[in-house]
Structure formats: structure tokens, C-alpha cells
Amino acid sequence: MTSIFRTVMGADFERLHPELQRRFSVGLSSGEACTGRGVMDRIWHGRGFVKPFLALGTTRNILVPRTGRHVPFTIENVPYADGFGRETVTFVRTFDLPGRSRRFDAQMVLSPKGDRVLDYLGTHQHLASDLFFRAEPDGSLLIRSGEHRFREGPVDVRVPELVGGEAEVRESFDDATGRFRIQVRVVNRHFGPLFGYSGSFRATYTDIRTRGVRAGLRPVREEARA
């Protein structure tokens, strides 16, 4: 077995910086989890009309409704087998904003065809996005989102382009500082920038075979539909 990220990227995975290769090799076969701790230099959102949507999303740990600078930040990437037997890697981000921490939860699995990663968002996985991974010439990683889908009970619909957002994630490793750098930007084609953050962090690795998945990291509800 190999990690879901190495599988979806194929030979392109070898073009990543070695530290990014290790970070995105977390999985059941490696037996490693990765925890990043650092600072978001900036968390931002778009114009005022975006705030109600961000506030609604935060009730299920999707997006972050507040802005800030120099915000302490943690990301937990822990692999496990979900209730449907799929290898899953958590992308649980915690922003220690003044007065109250905010979480942005995602769980990633390999698509049935192995051609993309499925990104289930939030505590109840009501939103799912297709993610496409690419190594850049400088060894950094570029992740772009594709189609978004909403699932609730019998409802299974594509999120209209008018209200959806396209996410772009860039992650790199800075040899001079020994830190990972990350930049996230979510944009709506009609209304412009919606939300994003940028910062840096250091990573540590732990053996999941002895530590497992801590309580509260897995979603409340799991979605089988790809």
C-alpha cells in the first residue's frame, strides 16, 4: 500500500520537495501521522455579504468567520479506516483566535477510480469536493478543487457555480527556516475572493499504531457517496 496522495499523483509525487513527500506520505501503510504547529500570518475574508455564509459554515466546522493576524494554528493529519473501510486522512485545522478557537475540518479519501482525492468537509460531511494535486517546478504542491456536492439524507446535488467557491492551496517547504509554508485562497467566479489564509508551521510525526486517533478528530457522521 501507499498513501492516497502518492497514489493520486503517481510519478509526479517524486517531484515534490522531500519534506513534502514525507508529509504527504502519512497513511495506514506508513503508520505515521503528522501534526503541524505554527502561525497564520493572516486570515482574511471577502466583502461583507460573505460573513453570513462563513458564520453558517462554522456551526459544522467549515470555514472561519473571523479575520486575524499572527494567529496560532495547528493542523492534524491522521490516517484511519472510516466506517466504510476507506483509508482516510484528517485535515483538521484549529485557529486559536482571540476569545475562541475555530476549527475547519476535512477528511480526505481516494476516489473509487483513484484519479482524484475526495475532500469531505465539516463535522457531518455534508459537503464534498474533488481535489486535484500537482507538483510545481520548484518542488511545491498545488491543490485545486473541482466540483462541489451537497449531501443530506436523500438530497445529493451539485453546488451551483453561483454560490460555490474554487479553492487553491499552495504548500512548500522553506529550507532556510525548516518550516512549511501554506497559502489558501477560495474564490467565487462571480463575486471574487471569499476566504483565505497564509502562514507557516513546523511538522512533527507520530506512530499511529501506538497513539491511534484522538477523540473528537473523526467526523460525527460519515458519507459513503463519492
C-alpha atoms as a PDB file:
ATOM      1  CA  MET A   1       0.000   0.000   0.000  1.00  0.00           C
ATOM      2  CA  THR A   2       0.964   3.655  -0.409  1.00  0.00           C
ATOM      3  CA  SER A   3      -0.537   6.940   0.710  1.00  0.00           C
ATOM      4  CA  ILE A   4      -3.652   8.223  -1.034  1.00  0.00           C
ATOM      5  CA  PHE A   5      -1.689  11.302  -2.144  1.00  0.00           C
ATOM      6  CA  ARG A   6       1.164   9.339  -3.698  1.00  0.00           C
ATOM      7  CA  THR A   7      -1.403   7.150  -5.438  1.00  0.00           C
ATOM      8  CA  VAL A   8      -3.312  10.042  -6.984  1.00  0.00           C
ATOM      9  CA  MET A   9      -0.171  11.915  -8.061  1.00  0.00           C
ATOM     10  CA  GLY A  10       1.724   8.937  -9.475  1.00  0.00           C
ATOM     11  CA  ALA A  11       5.216   9.757 -10.732  1.00  0.00           C
ATOM     12  CA  ASP A  12       4.551  13.471 -10.175  1.00  0.00           C
ATOM     13  CA  PHE A  13       4.837  12.815  -6.421  1.00  0.00           C
ATOM     14  CA  GLU A  14       8.607  12.329  -6.801  1.00  0.00           C
ATOM     15  CA  ARG A  15       8.950  15.930  -7.993  1.00  0.00           C
ATOM     16  CA  LEU A  16       7.846  17.284  -4.605  1.00  0.00           C
ATOM     17  CA  HIS A  17      10.374  18.574  -2.084  1.00  0.00           C
ATOM     18  CA  PRO A  18      11.491  15.635   0.123  1.00  0.00           C
ATOM     19  CA  GLU A  19       9.839  17.174   3.195  1.00  0.00           C
ATOM     20  CA  LEU A  20       6.553  17.475   1.323  1.00  0.00           C
ATOM     21  CA  GLN A  21       6.923  13.873   0.185  1.00  0.00           C
ATOM     22  CA  ARG A  22       7.194  12.752   3.787  1.00  0.00           C
ATOM     23  CA  ARG A  23       4.322  14.923   4.937  1.00  0.00           C
ATOM     24  CA  PHE A  24       2.006  13.625   2.212  1.00  0.00           C
ATOM     25  CA  SER A  25       3.100  10.031   2.766  1.00  0.00           C
ATOM     26  CA  VAL A  26       1.118   9.869   6.000  1.00  0.00           C
ATOM     27  CA  GLY A  27      -1.176   6.884   5.798  1.00  0.00           C
ATOM     28  CA  LEU A  28      -2.003   3.475   7.130  1.00  0.00           C
ATOM     29  CA  SER A  29       0.945   1.882   5.338  1.00  0.00           C
ATOM     30  CA  SER A  30       3.497   4.382   6.703  1.00  0.00           C
ATOM     31  CA  GLY A  31       1.968   4.214  10.171  1.00  0.00           C
ATOM     32  CA  GLU A  32       2.666   7.905  10.638  1.00  0.00           C
ATOM     33  CA  ALA A  33       0.520  10.896  11.476  1.00  0.00           C
ATOM     34  CA  CYS A  34       1.680  14.485  11.008  1.00  0.00           C
ATOM     35  CA  THR A  35       0.927  17.451  13.246  1.00  0.00           C
ATOM     36  CA  GLY A  36       1.818  20.955  12.135  1.00  0.00           C
ATOM     37  CA  ARG A  37       2.061  23.829  14.602  1.00  0.00           C
ATOM     38  CA  GLY A  38       2.739  27.394  13.598  1.00  0.00           C
ATOM     39  CA  VAL A  39       1.242  30.793  12.903  1.00  0.00           C
ATOM     40  CA  MET A  40      -1.132  32.101  10.281  1.00  0.00           C
ATOM     41  CA  ASP A  41       0.268  35.482   9.299  1.00  0.00           C
ATOM     42  CA  ARG A  42      -3.147  36.471   8.008  1.00  0.00           C
ATOM     43  CA  ILE A  43      -6.702  35.084   7.924  1.00  0.00           C
ATOM     44  CA  TRP A  44      -8.991  37.081   5.668  1.00  0.00           C
ATOM     45  CA  HIS A  45     -12.421  37.015   4.063  1.00  0.00           C
ATOM     46  CA  GLY A  46     -14.149  38.885   1.259  1.00  0.00           C
ATOM     47  CA  ARG A  47     -16.796  41.557   1.238  1.00  0.00           C
ATOM     48  CA  GLY A  48     -19.483  41.898   3.915  1.00  0.00           C
ATOM     49  CA  PHE A  49     -22.078  39.697   2.229  1.00  0.00           C
ATOM     50  CA  VAL A  50     -19.727  36.705   2.718  1.00  0.00           C
ATOM     51  CA  LYS A  51     -19.928  36.858   6.535  1.00  0.00           C
ATOM     52  CA  PRO A  52     -23.341  35.147   6.975  1.00  0.00           C
ATOM     53  CA  PHE A  53     -22.199  32.188   4.865  1.00  0.00           C
ATOM     54  CA  LEU A  54     -18.969  31.862   6.826  1.00  0.00           C
ATOM     55  CA  ALA A  55     -20.882  32.088  10.116  1.00  0.00           C
ATOM     56  CA  LEU A  56     -23.272  29.361   8.969  1.00  0.00           C
ATOM     57  CA  GLY A  57     -20.395  27.133   7.944  1.00  0.00           C
ATOM     58  CA  THR A  58     -18.664  27.460  11.289  1.00  0.00           C
ATOM     59  CA  THR A  59     -21.562  25.638  13.008  1.00  0.00           C
ATOM     60  CA  ARG A  60     -20.248  22.475  11.300  1.00  0.00           C
ATOM     61  CA  ASN A  61     -16.544  23.371  11.408  1.00  0.00           C
ATOM     62  CA  ILE A  62     -16.450  24.593   7.808  1.00  0.00           C
ATOM     63  CA  LEU A  63     -14.517  27.797   7.068  1.00  0.00           C
ATOM     64  CA  VAL A  64     -13.649  30.501   9.592  1.00  0.00           C
ATOM     65  CA  PRO A  65     -15.893  33.570  10.045  1.00  0.00           C
ATOM     66  CA  ARG A  66     -13.268  35.877  11.593  1.00  0.00           C
ATOM     67  CA  THR A  67     -10.165  37.614  10.352  1.00  0.00           C
ATOM     68  CA  GLY A  68      -6.886  37.925  12.176  1.00  0.00           C
ATOM     69  CA  ARG A  69      -3.140  38.304  12.025  1.00  0.00           C
ATOM     70  CA  HIS A  70      -0.403  36.246  13.704  1.00  0.00           C
ATOM     71  CA  VAL A  71      -2.907  33.588  14.760  1.00  0.00           C
ATOM     72  CA  PRO A  72      -1.528  30.381  16.353  1.00  0.00           C
ATOM     73  CA  PHE A  73      -2.506  27.422  14.234  1.00  0.00           C
ATOM     74  CA  THR A  74      -2.496  23.612  14.345  1.00  0.00           C
ATOM     75  CA  ILE A  75      -3.183  21.106  11.555  1.00  0.00           C
ATOM     76  CA  GLU A  76      -3.657  17.412  12.332  1.00  0.00           C
ATOM     77  CA  ASN A  77      -3.199  14.857   9.550  1.00  0.00           C
ATOM     78  CA  VAL A  78      -4.065  11.462  10.989  1.00  0.00           C
ATOM     79  CA  PRO A  79      -4.847   8.357   8.896  1.00  0.00           C
ATOM     80  CA  TYR A  80      -7.522   5.819   9.821  1.00  0.00           C
ATOM     81  CA  ALA A  81     -10.036   3.462   8.199  1.00  0.00           C
ATOM     82  CA  ASP A  82     -13.507   5.022   8.184  1.00  0.00           C
ATOM     83  CA  GLY A  83     -16.790   3.190   8.754  1.00  0.00           C
ATOM     84  CA  PHE A  84     -16.864   2.122   5.103  1.00  0.00           C
ATOM     85  CA  GLY A  85     -13.344   0.690   5.195  1.00  0.00           C
ATOM     86  CA  ARG A  86     -11.756   3.518   3.205  1.00  0.00           C
ATOM     87  CA  GLU A  87      -8.344   4.857   4.128  1.00  0.00           C
ATOM     88  CA  THR A  88      -8.976   8.393   5.368  1.00  0.00           C
ATOM     89  CA  VAL A  89      -6.632  11.224   6.359  1.00  0.00           C
ATOM     90  CA  THR A  90      -7.836  14.030   8.599  1.00  0.00           C
ATOM     91  CA  PHE A  91      -7.130  17.651   7.736  1.00  0.00           C
ATOM     92  CA  VAL A  92      -8.346  19.267  10.941  1.00  0.00           C
ATOM     93  CA  ARG A  93      -7.204  22.866  11.266  1.00  0.00           C
ATOM     94  CA  THR A  94      -7.556  24.774  14.559  1.00  0.00           C
ATOM     95  CA  PHE A  95      -7.126  28.548  14.608  1.00  0.00           C
ATOM     96  CA  ASP A  96      -6.549  29.972  18.100  1.00  0.00           C
ATOM     97  CA  LEU A  97      -8.316  33.270  17.541  1.00  0.00           C
ATOM     98  CA  PRO A  98      -8.702  35.682  20.479  1.00  0.00           C
ATOM     99  CA  GLY A  99     -11.563  34.657  22.726  1.00  0.00           C
ATOM    100  CA  ARG A 100     -12.380  31.388  20.965  1.00  0.00           C
ATOM    101  CA  SER A 101     -10.693  28.778  18.815  1.00  0.00           C
ATOM    102  CA  ARG A 102     -12.225  27.909  15.446  1.00  0.00           C
ATOM    103  CA  ARG A 103     -11.920  24.619  13.578  1.00  0.00           C
ATOM    104  CA  PHE A 104     -12.005  23.828   9.885  1.00  0.00           C
ATOM    105  CA  ASP A 105     -12.463  20.068   9.467  1.00  0.00           C
ATOM    106  CA  ALA A 106     -11.903  17.933   6.401  1.00  0.00           C
ATOM    107  CA  GLN A 107     -11.433  14.210   5.829  1.00  0.00           C
ATOM    108  CA  MET A 108      -9.771  13.045   2.617  1.00  0.00           C
ATOM    109  CA  VAL A 109     -10.194   9.707   0.832  1.00  0.00           C
ATOM    110  CA  LEU A 110      -9.132   8.373  -2.550  1.00  0.00           C
ATOM    111  CA  SER A 111     -11.858   8.393  -5.210  1.00  0.00           C
ATOM    112  CA  PRO A 112     -13.097   4.978  -6.390  1.00  0.00           C
ATOM    113  CA  LYS A 113     -11.201   5.394  -9.696  1.00  0.00           C
ATOM    114  CA  GLY A 114      -8.051   6.660  -7.980  1.00  0.00           C
ATOM    115  CA  ASP A 115      -7.938   9.738 -10.199  1.00  0.00           C
ATOM    116  CA  ARG A 116      -8.631  12.363  -7.536  1.00  0.00           C
ATOM    117  CA  VAL A 117      -8.988  12.885  -3.800  1.00  0.00           C
ATOM    118  CA  LEU A 118     -12.426  13.366  -2.266  1.00  0.00           C
ATOM    119  CA  ASP A 119     -12.491  16.078   0.389  1.00  0.00           C
ATOM    120  CA  TYR A 120     -15.389  15.707   2.842  1.00  0.00           C
ATOM    121  CA  LEU A 121     -15.909  18.951   4.747  1.00  0.00           C
ATOM    122  CA  GLY A 122     -17.243  19.575   8.226  1.00  0.00           C
ATOM    123  CA  THR A 123     -18.376  17.542  11.192  1.00  0.00           C
ATOM    124  CA  HIS A 124     -21.171  15.833   9.219  1.00  0.00           C
ATOM    125  CA  GLN A 125     -19.544  15.615   5.768  1.00  0.00           C
ATOM    126  CA  HIS A 126     -22.486  17.404   4.108  1.00  0.00           C
ATOM    127  CA  LEU A 127     -20.124  18.969   1.561  1.00  0.00           C
ATOM    128  CA  ALA A 128     -17.731  17.074  -0.689  1.00  0.00           C
ATOM    129  CA  SER A 129     -15.225  18.428  -3.182  1.00  0.00           C
ATOM    130  CA  ASP A 130     -12.940  16.892  -5.789  1.00  0.00           C
ATOM    131  CA  LEU A 131      -9.276  17.776  -5.273  1.00  0.00           C
ATOM    132  CA  PHE A 132      -6.512  17.615  -7.867  1.00  0.00           C
ATOM    133  CA  PHE A 133      -2.837  17.562  -6.869  1.00  0.00           C
ATOM    134  CA  ARG A 134       0.159  18.780  -8.872  1.00  0.00           C
ATOM    135  CA  ALA A 135       3.862  19.225  -8.180  1.00  0.00           C
ATOM    136  CA  GLU A 136       5.215  22.601  -9.257  1.00  0.00           C
ATOM    137  CA  PRO A 137       8.672  23.118 -10.850  1.00  0.00           C
ATOM    138  CA  ASP A 138      10.102  24.420  -7.553  1.00  0.00           C
ATOM    139  CA  GLY A 139       9.020  21.291  -5.639  1.00  0.00           C
ATOM    140  CA  SER A 140       5.974  22.894  -4.030  1.00  0.00           C
ATOM    141  CA  LEU A 141       2.494  21.375  -4.091  1.00  0.00           C
ATOM    142  CA  LEU A 142      -0.529  22.920  -5.780  1.00  0.00           C
ATOM    143  CA  ILE A 143      -4.019  21.630  -4.908  1.00  0.00           C
ATOM    144  CA  ARG A 144      -7.089  22.821  -6.779  1.00  0.00           C
ATOM    145  CA  SER A 145     -10.712  21.978  -6.087  1.00  0.00           C
ATOM    146  CA  GLY A 146     -13.181  20.787  -8.689  1.00  0.00           C
ATOM    147  CA  GLU A 147     -16.885  20.042  -8.400  1.00  0.00           C
ATOM    148  CA  HIS A 148     -18.644  20.542  -5.057  1.00  0.00           C
ATOM    149  CA  ARG A 149     -21.581  18.419  -3.928  1.00  0.00           C
ATOM    150  CA  PHE A 150     -24.092  18.725  -1.074  1.00  0.00           C
ATOM    151  CA  ARG A 151     -25.465  15.598   0.616  1.00  0.00           C
ATOM    152  CA  GLU A 152     -28.156  15.453   3.287  1.00  0.00           C
ATOM    153  CA  GLY A 153     -30.369  12.375   3.575  1.00  0.00           C
ATOM    154  CA  PRO A 154     -31.775  11.648   0.091  1.00  0.00           C
ATOM    155  CA  VAL A 155     -30.513  15.007  -1.232  1.00  0.00           C
ATOM    156  CA  ASP A 156     -27.468  14.728  -3.489  1.00  0.00           C
ATOM    157  CA  VAL A 157     -26.935  17.840  -5.612  1.00  0.00           C
ATOM    158  CA  ARG A 158     -24.107  19.726  -7.265  1.00  0.00           C
ATOM    159  CA  VAL A 159     -23.420  23.097  -5.644  1.00  0.00           C
ATOM    160  CA  PRO A 160     -24.222  25.783  -8.250  1.00  0.00           C
ATOM    161  CA  GLU A 161     -21.298  27.812  -9.521  1.00  0.00           C
ATOM    162  CA  LEU A 162     -23.089  30.988  -8.435  1.00  0.00           C
ATOM    163  CA  VAL A 163     -22.722  30.154  -4.731  1.00  0.00           C
ATOM    164  CA  GLY A 164     -19.724  27.807  -4.795  1.00  0.00           C
ATOM    165  CA  GLY A 165     -16.071  28.608  -4.382  1.00  0.00           C
ATOM    166  CA  GLU A 166     -12.934  27.355  -6.071  1.00  0.00           C
ATOM    167  CA  ALA A 167     -10.133  26.581  -3.639  1.00  0.00           C
ATOM    168  CA  GLU A 168      -6.434  26.809  -4.389  1.00  0.00           C
ATOM    169  CA  VAL A 169      -3.880  25.571  -1.870  1.00  0.00           C
ATOM    170  CA  ARG A 170      -0.139  26.062  -2.245  1.00  0.00           C
ATOM    171  CA  GLU A 171       2.216  24.344   0.158  1.00  0.00           C
ATOM    172  CA  SER A 172       6.009  24.481   0.109  1.00  0.00           C
ATOM    173  CA  PHE A 173       8.996  23.860   2.363  1.00  0.00           C
ATOM    174  CA  ASP A 174      11.458  26.599   3.286  1.00  0.00           C
ATOM    175  CA  ASP A 175      14.906  25.035   3.748  1.00  0.00           C
ATOM    176  CA  ALA A 176      16.266  28.206   5.350  1.00  0.00           C
ATOM    177  CA  THR A 177      13.763  28.180   8.217  1.00  0.00           C
ATOM    178  CA  GLY A 178      12.832  24.498   8.327  1.00  0.00           C
ATOM    179  CA  ARG A 179       9.157  25.420   8.074  1.00  0.00           C
ATOM    180  CA  PHE A 180       6.319  24.537   5.763  1.00  0.00           C
ATOM    181  CA  ARG A 181       4.606  27.492   4.127  1.00  0.00           C
ATOM    182  CA  ILE A 182       0.944  27.379   3.172  1.00  0.00           C
ATOM    183  CA  GLN A 183      -1.374  29.695   1.301  1.00  0.00           C
ATOM    184  CA  VAL A 184      -5.099  29.019   0.863  1.00  0.00           C
ATOM    185  CA  ARG A 185      -7.447  31.073  -1.291  1.00  0.00           C
ATOM    186  CA  VAL A 186     -11.142  30.424  -2.014  1.00  0.00           C
ATOM    187  CA  VAL A 187     -12.683  32.452  -4.850  1.00  0.00           C
ATOM    188  CA  ASN A 188     -16.153  32.651  -6.388  1.00  0.00           C
ATOM    189  CA  ARG A 189     -16.112  33.203 -10.151  1.00  0.00           C
ATOM    190  CA  HIS A 190     -18.829  35.853  -9.941  1.00  0.00           C
ATOM    191  CA  PHE A 191     -18.192  37.576  -6.597  1.00  0.00           C
ATOM    192  CA  GLY A 192     -14.432  37.319  -6.229  1.00  0.00           C
ATOM    193  CA  PRO A 193     -12.353  36.317  -3.169  1.00  0.00           C
ATOM    194  CA  LEU A 194     -14.307  34.674  -0.339  1.00  0.00           C
ATOM    195  CA  PHE A 195     -11.862  33.420   2.243  1.00  0.00           C
ATOM    196  CA  GLY A 196      -8.227  32.501   2.778  1.00  0.00           C
ATOM    197  CA  TYR A 197      -5.187  32.349   4.997  1.00  0.00           C
ATOM    198  CA  SER A 198      -1.410  32.182   4.764  1.00  0.00           C
ATOM    199  CA  GLY A 199       1.322  31.282   7.210  1.00  0.00           C
ATOM    200  CA  SER A 200       3.931  28.720   8.180  1.00  0.00           C
ATOM    201  CA  PHE A 201       4.400  25.788  10.540  1.00  0.00           C
ATOM    202  CA  ARG A 202       6.760  23.071  11.710  1.00  0.00           C
ATOM    203  CA  ALA A 203       5.772  19.428  11.495  1.00  0.00           C
ATOM    204  CA  THR A 204       6.220  16.505  13.884  1.00  0.00           C
ATOM    205  CA  TYR A 205       5.408  12.863  13.187  1.00  0.00           C
ATOM    206  CA  THR A 206       3.928  10.230  15.471  1.00  0.00           C
ATOM    207  CA  ASP A 207       3.272   6.495  15.265  1.00  0.00           C
ATOM    208  CA  ILE A 208      -0.485   5.961  14.859  1.00  0.00           C
ATOM    209  CA  ARG A 209      -0.151   2.289  15.748  1.00  0.00           C
ATOM    210  CA  THR A 210       0.564   3.264  19.337  1.00  0.00           C
ATOM    211  CA  ARG A 211      -1.358   6.541  19.605  1.00  0.00           C
ATOM    212  CA  GLY A 212      -4.361   5.995  17.328  1.00  0.00           C
ATOM    213  CA  VAL A 213      -6.862   8.781  16.541  1.00  0.00           C
ATOM    214  CA  ARG A 214      -7.618  11.145  19.379  1.00  0.00           C
ATOM    215  CA  ALA A 215     -11.203  11.684  20.471  1.00  0.00           C
ATOM    216  CA  GLY A 216     -13.042  14.424  18.560  1.00  0.00           C
ATOM    217  CA  LEU A 217     -10.915  14.224  15.437  1.00  0.00           C
ATOM    218  CA  ARG A 218     -13.213  11.977  13.407  1.00  0.00           C
ATOM    219  CA  PRO A 219     -16.486  13.388  11.994  1.00  0.00           C
ATOM    220  CA  VAL A 220     -19.839  12.937  13.715  1.00  0.00           C
ATOM    221  CA  ARG A 221     -21.338  11.496  10.509  1.00  0.00           C
ATOM    222  CA  GLU A 222     -19.647   9.765   7.588  1.00  0.00           C
ATOM    223  CA  GLU A 223     -20.765   9.999   3.956  1.00  0.00           C
ATOM    224  CA  ALA A 224     -20.426   6.975   1.661  1.00  0.00           C
ATOM    225  CA  ARG A 225     -21.287   8.731  -1.597  1.00  0.00           C
ATOM    226  CA  ALA A 226     -18.315   9.699  -3.733  1.00  0.00           C
END
